Protein backbone atom coordinates (compact mmCIF):
# COMPACT_ATOMS: atom_id res chain seq x y z
CA MET A 1 -0.15 0.12 -0.15
CA SER A 2 1.63 3.28 -1.14
CA ARG A 3 1.95 6.34 1.51
CA LYS A 4 0.22 9.39 0.85
CA VAL A 5 1.96 12.68 0.79
CA LEU A 6 0.21 16.09 1.09
CA LEU A 7 2.11 18.98 -0.78
CA VAL A 8 1.28 22.51 0.18
CA ASP A 9 2.88 24.95 -1.94
CA ASP A 10 1.86 28.03 -4.22
CA ASP A 11 4.68 27.07 -6.72
CA SER A 12 2.78 25.23 -9.53
CA GLU A 13 5.78 24.16 -11.22
CA LEU A 14 7.75 22.84 -7.97
CA LEU A 15 4.39 20.99 -7.12
CA SER A 16 4.33 19.33 -10.56
CA LEU A 17 8.08 18.56 -10.14
CA LEU A 18 7.83 16.96 -6.61
CA SER A 19 4.58 15.33 -7.27
CA ALA A 20 6.03 13.39 -10.56
CA TYR A 21 9.11 12.36 -8.58
CA LEU A 22 7.26 11.20 -5.37
CA GLU A 23 4.84 9.14 -7.57
CA LEU A 24 7.88 7.73 -9.26
CA GLU A 25 9.10 6.72 -5.94
CA GLY A 26 6.20 5.01 -5.42
CA PHE A 27 3.89 7.49 -3.00
CA GLU A 28 0.31 8.60 -3.65
CA VAL A 29 0.58 12.84 -3.98
CA LYS A 30 -2.23 15.21 -3.13
CA GLN A 31 -1.80 18.84 -3.64
CA ALA A 32 -2.84 22.24 -2.18
CA SER A 33 -1.73 25.38 -3.69
CA ASP A 34 -2.87 27.58 -0.15
CA GLY A 35 -2.61 27.41 3.11
CA ILE A 36 -6.16 27.24 3.67
CA SER A 37 -6.87 24.21 1.69
CA GLY A 38 -3.79 22.98 2.83
CA ALA A 39 -5.01 22.87 6.38
CA GLU A 40 -8.47 21.37 5.73
CA MET A 41 -6.94 18.60 3.51
CA ALA A 42 -4.10 17.62 6.11
CA VAL A 43 -7.44 16.83 8.42
CA ALA A 44 -9.97 15.44 5.64
CA LEU A 45 -7.23 13.34 3.71
CA ALA A 46 -5.62 11.78 6.88
CA PRO A 47 -2.23 11.91 4.61
CA ASP A 48 0.76 10.02 6.19
CA ILE A 49 3.00 13.03 5.85
CA VAL A 50 2.54 16.75 4.90
CA VAL A 51 5.39 18.92 2.94
CA LEU A 52 4.60 22.40 3.81
CA ASP A 53 6.07 25.65 2.23
CA VAL A 54 6.56 28.34 4.74
CA MET A 55 6.49 31.32 2.16
CA MET A 56 2.99 31.21 0.67
CA PRO A 57 0.61 34.44 0.12
CA GLY A 58 -2.10 34.91 2.54
CA ILE A 59 -2.02 32.20 4.79
CA ASN A 60 1.82 31.21 5.22
CA GLY A 61 3.16 27.88 6.26
CA ILE A 62 3.51 28.88 9.75
CA GLN A 63 -0.18 30.13 10.07
CA THR A 64 -1.05 26.70 7.99
CA LEU A 65 1.01 24.49 10.56
CA SER A 66 -0.58 26.02 13.59
CA ARG A 67 -4.19 25.21 12.09
CA ILE A 68 -2.94 21.68 11.34
CA ARG A 69 -1.52 21.30 14.61
CA ALA A 70 -4.84 22.39 16.30
CA ARG A 71 -6.50 19.56 14.86
CA SER A 72 -4.22 16.91 13.61
CA ASP A 73 -0.36 15.19 14.70
CA VAL A 74 0.30 14.25 11.43
CA PRO A 75 4.03 14.54 10.64
CA VAL A 76 5.03 17.75 8.81
CA ILE A 77 8.01 18.48 7.07
CA MET A 78 8.46 22.58 6.22
CA LEU A 79 10.17 23.89 3.53
CA THR A 80 12.14 27.10 4.31
CA ALA A 81 14.30 29.51 2.91
CA ARG A 82 18.01 28.62 3.17
CA GLY A 83 19.59 30.34 6.23
CA ASP A 84 16.23 31.38 7.55
CA ASP A 85 16.46 30.13 11.09
CA ALA A 86 13.68 32.20 12.62
CA ASP A 87 11.16 30.38 10.40
CA ARG A 88 12.84 26.99 11.10
CA ILE A 89 12.56 27.38 14.73
CA MET A 90 9.10 28.99 14.94
CA GLY A 91 7.90 25.89 12.77
CA LEU A 92 9.66 23.64 15.23
CA GLU A 93 7.89 25.13 18.06
CA LEU A 94 4.66 24.91 16.21
CA GLY A 95 5.17 21.21 16.10
CA ALA A 96 6.82 20.41 12.71
CA ASP A 97 8.93 17.41 12.57
CA ASP A 98 11.52 18.73 10.46
CA TYR A 99 12.64 21.21 7.60
CA VAL A 100 14.15 20.95 4.23
CA PRO A 101 15.92 23.94 3.10
CA LYS A 102 15.00 25.36 -0.39
CA PRO A 103 16.10 24.95 -2.81
CA CYS A 104 16.37 21.52 -2.30
CA THR A 105 16.56 18.01 -4.65
CA PRO A 106 13.50 15.93 -4.96
CA ARG A 107 16.00 13.14 -3.82
CA GLU A 108 16.61 14.94 -0.72
CA LEU A 109 12.90 15.58 0.16
CA VAL A 110 12.41 11.79 -0.61
CA ALA A 111 15.05 10.67 1.76
CA ARG A 112 13.64 13.21 4.57
CA ILE A 113 10.08 11.51 3.91
CA ARG A 114 11.12 8.08 4.25
CA ALA A 115 13.29 8.71 7.56
CA ILE A 116 10.14 10.14 9.24
CA LEU A 117 7.85 7.14 8.03
CA LYS A 118 10.63 4.69 8.71
CA ARG A 119 11.16 5.82 12.32
CA ALA A 120 7.20 6.01 13.19
CA ASN A 121 7.38 2.32 11.91
CA ASN A 122 10.08 1.18 13.77
CA ALA A 123 8.88 2.80 17.00
CA ALA A 124 5.59 0.67 16.42
CA SER A 125 7.16 -2.70 15.45
CA VAL A 126 10.78 -3.32 16.32
CA LEU A 127 10.56 -2.23 20.09
CA MET A 128 6.95 -2.96 21.02
CA ASP A 129 7.37 -3.14 25.14
CA THR A 130 6.03 -0.32 27.14
CA VAL A 131 8.77 1.94 28.73
CA GLN A 132 8.29 2.97 32.22
CA ALA A 133 10.82 5.76 33.48
CA GLY A 134 9.28 7.21 36.69
CA PRO A 135 5.83 8.80 36.05
CA LEU A 136 6.60 8.75 32.25
CA THR A 137 5.12 5.59 30.18
CA VAL A 138 6.13 5.08 26.62
CA MET A 139 4.13 2.70 24.69
CA PRO A 140 5.59 2.41 21.04
CA GLN A 141 2.61 0.38 19.69
CA GLN A 142 0.07 2.82 20.15
CA ARG A 143 2.79 5.69 19.98
CA ARG A 144 1.35 6.97 23.13
CA ALA A 145 3.04 8.67 26.21
CA GLU A 146 1.59 9.50 29.66
CA ILE A 147 2.98 11.27 32.60
CA SER A 148 1.49 10.30 35.80
CA GLY A 149 -1.42 8.70 33.64
CA GLU A 150 -2.29 11.80 31.79
CA ALA A 151 -1.85 11.53 27.83
CA LEU A 152 0.96 13.93 26.39
CA ASN A 153 0.02 15.58 23.33
CA LEU A 154 3.17 15.03 21.25
CA THR A 155 4.30 15.37 17.76
CA SER A 156 5.75 12.41 15.98
CA THR A 157 9.27 13.75 16.35
CA GLU A 158 8.54 14.55 19.88
CA PHE A 159 7.37 11.10 20.64
CA ASN A 160 10.67 9.50 19.06
CA LEU A 161 12.84 11.78 21.36
CA VAL A 162 11.21 11.02 24.38
CA TRP A 163 11.06 7.15 23.59
CA VAL A 164 14.74 7.48 22.86
CA LEU A 165 15.51 9.38 26.31
CA ALA A 166 12.98 7.03 28.25
CA ARG A 167 14.93 3.90 27.07
CA HIS A 168 18.06 5.40 28.42
CA ALA A 169 16.55 7.03 31.27
CA GLY A 170 19.17 8.05 33.69
CA ARG A 171 21.96 8.14 31.47
CA ILE A 172 23.25 11.01 29.17
CA VAL A 173 22.22 10.82 25.65
CA SER A 174 23.75 12.33 23.07
CA LYS A 175 22.48 14.71 20.34
CA GLU A 176 24.13 12.52 17.72
CA LEU A 177 22.40 9.51 19.01
CA LEU A 178 19.05 11.36 19.49
CA SER A 179 19.47 12.78 15.56
CA THR A 180 20.01 9.32 14.44
CA GLU A 181 17.65 7.17 16.50
CA ALA A 182 14.78 9.59 16.73
CA MET A 183 15.12 11.84 13.51
CA GLY A 184 16.44 9.05 11.16
CA ARG A 185 19.41 11.35 9.96
CA PRO A 186 23.11 12.16 11.17
CA LEU A 187 23.49 15.45 13.31
CA ASN A 188 24.30 18.23 11.37
CA ARG A 189 26.77 20.36 13.29
CA TYR A 190 24.63 23.85 12.94
CA ASP A 191 21.47 22.10 13.60
CA ARG A 192 19.10 23.33 16.31
CA SER A 193 16.20 21.01 15.70
CA ILE A 194 16.81 18.80 18.74
CA ASP A 195 17.34 21.80 21.09
CA VAL A 196 13.77 23.25 19.85
CA HIS A 197 11.99 20.02 20.33
CA MET A 198 13.76 19.49 23.74
CA SER A 199 12.21 22.91 24.84
CA SER A 200 8.71 22.17 23.92
CA ILE A 201 9.06 18.33 25.19
CA ARG A 202 10.16 19.86 28.70
CA GLN A 203 7.13 22.12 28.69
CA LYS A 204 4.64 19.17 28.16
CA LEU A 205 6.27 16.82 30.77
CA GLY A 206 6.18 19.58 33.50
CA GLN A 207 8.43 19.78 36.55
CA ALA A 208 9.49 17.13 38.89
CA ALA A 209 8.36 16.99 42.41
CA ASN A 210 11.49 18.87 43.61
CA GLY A 211 10.80 21.51 40.75
CA ALA A 212 13.44 20.72 38.58
CA SER A 213 12.82 20.02 34.82
CA ARG A 214 12.57 16.32 33.87
CA ILE A 215 14.82 16.73 31.18
CA GLN A 216 18.33 18.02 31.98
CA THR A 217 21.00 19.33 29.71
CA VAL A 218 24.04 18.14 29.94
CA TYR A 219 26.46 20.65 28.25
CA GLY A 220 28.71 19.39 25.62
CA ARG A 221 27.22 16.16 26.00
CA GLY A 222 23.57 15.69 25.39
CA TYR A 223 20.21 15.17 27.27
CA GLN A 224 19.53 13.15 30.45
CA LEU A 225 16.03 12.34 31.39
CA ILE A 226 15.59 12.11 35.08
CA ASN A 227 14.59 8.72 36.01
CA GLU A 228 12.41 9.15 39.34
């Protein structure tokens, strides 16, 4: 069964190029040329992943992502202008799973799409046992995580990061390992994606009984989930 990709971009030429390439790679492709219809289709069509351009007239990609996240946790890849860190960080903070700088090659985009879909499948099928780390429970089969019995509203990438941290609870996990296991790609020296995702995860996990963050930053080494 082919995986469904929703492309949202106002550039008709780019849409045609990416659609043709994705279809050759075995994906089913749907298109939207503006943010309003893109947000609606992301919910109504239930695609496996959304590729969303930031720079669109009217409702831009950031606003579109916000609308999608209000109603769906579908994985989202943002297409951002090369070097535009502000849009990347804002997109990640709003729940984007990854970003690809434009101009990008169709091959690079397909590689990112496959990485996100693969890691979601791996979490559900390779390590199926529930992981318990203090009040945190991670259930890969259901792709569900709870803190003290309350469900956490995590994006696909956030779930994978929590899953990796929970499996190594009490130990320092390097950003290199987090990038490889949770994001499906090697760590880029200047990539701040993990840091932004961790900031969001910290807020969602809340504080420990002593008021400290449940995720500690160990500078120069990585992150550590406090196992209490």
